[in-house]
């Protein structure tokens, strides 16, 4: 009986890919925000 917990072969590649995508997006977004703040150019203010 499969309960959906764990895996018979190994880690779920779909979940690994999703996690890697989230980490990558977070890293890119953080770097972009830091570059914007560091540049000091803020439109409208």
C-alpha atoms as a PDB file:
ATOM      1  CA  UNK A   1       0.000   0.000   0.000  1.00  0.00           C
ATOM      2  CA  UNK A   2       1.412   3.342  -1.043  1.00  0.00           C
ATOM      3  CA  UNK A   3       0.816   6.180   1.387  1.00  0.00           C
ATOM      4  CA  UNK A   4       2.466   8.949  -0.638  1.00  0.00           C
ATOM      5  CA  UNK A   5       5.098   9.426   2.065  1.00  0.00           C
ATOM      6  CA  UNK A   6       8.667   8.997   0.867  1.00  0.00           C
ATOM      7  CA  UNK A   7       9.259   7.168  -2.386  1.00  0.00           C
ATOM      8  CA  UNK A   8       9.967   3.700  -3.663  1.00  0.00           C
ATOM      9  CA  UNK A   9      12.743   4.817  -6.020  1.00  0.00           C
ATOM     10  CA  UNK A  10      14.053   7.994  -4.437  1.00  0.00           C
ATOM     11  CA  UNK A  11      13.264  11.675  -4.021  1.00  0.00           C
ATOM     12  CA  UNK A  12      10.512  13.123  -6.178  1.00  0.00           C
ATOM     13  CA  UNK A  13      12.233  14.934  -9.045  1.00  0.00           C
ATOM     14  CA  UNK A  14       9.222  17.211  -9.495  1.00  0.00           C
ATOM     15  CA  UNK A  15       9.512  18.486  -5.940  1.00  0.00           C
ATOM     16  CA  UNK A  16      13.287  18.875  -6.316  1.00  0.00           C
ATOM     17  CA  UNK A  17      12.827  20.904  -9.502  1.00  0.00           C
ATOM     18  CA  UNK A  18      10.157  23.065  -7.874  1.00  0.00           C
ATOM     19  CA  UNK A  19      12.350  23.711  -4.840  1.00  0.00           C
ATOM     20  CA  UNK A  20      15.316  24.594  -7.019  1.00  0.00           C
ATOM     21  CA  UNK A  21      13.139  26.950  -9.033  1.00  0.00           C
ATOM     22  CA  UNK A  22      11.916  28.718  -5.900  1.00  0.00           C
ATOM     23  CA  UNK A  23      15.473  29.097  -4.594  1.00  0.00           C
ATOM     24  CA  UNK A  24      16.681  30.423  -7.935  1.00  0.00           C
ATOM     25  CA  UNK A  25      13.813  32.908  -8.182  1.00  0.00           C
ATOM     26  CA  UNK A  26      14.450  34.104  -4.638  1.00  0.00           C
ATOM     27  CA  UNK A  27      18.164  34.572  -5.317  1.00  0.00           C
ATOM     28  CA  UNK A  28      17.526  36.494  -8.538  1.00  0.00           C
ATOM     29  CA  UNK A  29      14.835  38.657  -6.922  1.00  0.00           C
ATOM     30  CA  UNK A  30      17.018  39.429  -3.920  1.00  0.00           C
ATOM     31  CA  UNK A  31      19.990  40.359  -6.067  1.00  0.00           C
ATOM     32  CA  UNK A  32      17.778  42.574  -8.253  1.00  0.00           C
ATOM     33  CA  UNK A  33      16.355  44.401  -5.232  1.00  0.00           C
ATOM     34  CA  UNK A  34      19.825  44.912  -3.746  1.00  0.00           C
ATOM     35  CA  UNK A  35      21.099  46.317  -7.059  1.00  0.00           C
ATOM     36  CA  UNK A  36      18.139  48.694  -7.264  1.00  0.00           C
ATOM     37  CA  UNK A  37      18.704  49.942  -3.718  1.00  0.00           C
ATOM     38  CA  UNK A  38      22.456  50.259  -4.243  1.00  0.00           C
ATOM     39  CA  UNK A  39      22.032  52.218  -7.470  1.00  0.00           C
ATOM     40  CA  UNK A  40      20.192  54.982  -5.616  1.00  0.00           C
ATOM     41  CA  UNK A  41      18.086  55.837  -8.656  1.00  0.00           C
ATOM     42  CA  UNK A  42      14.467  55.854  -7.568  1.00  0.00           C
ATOM     43  CA  UNK A  43      11.960  57.279 -10.013  1.00  0.00           C
ATOM     44  CA  UNK A  44       9.355  59.661  -8.687  1.00  0.00           C
ATOM     45  CA  UNK A  45      11.003  60.360  -5.353  1.00  0.00           C
END
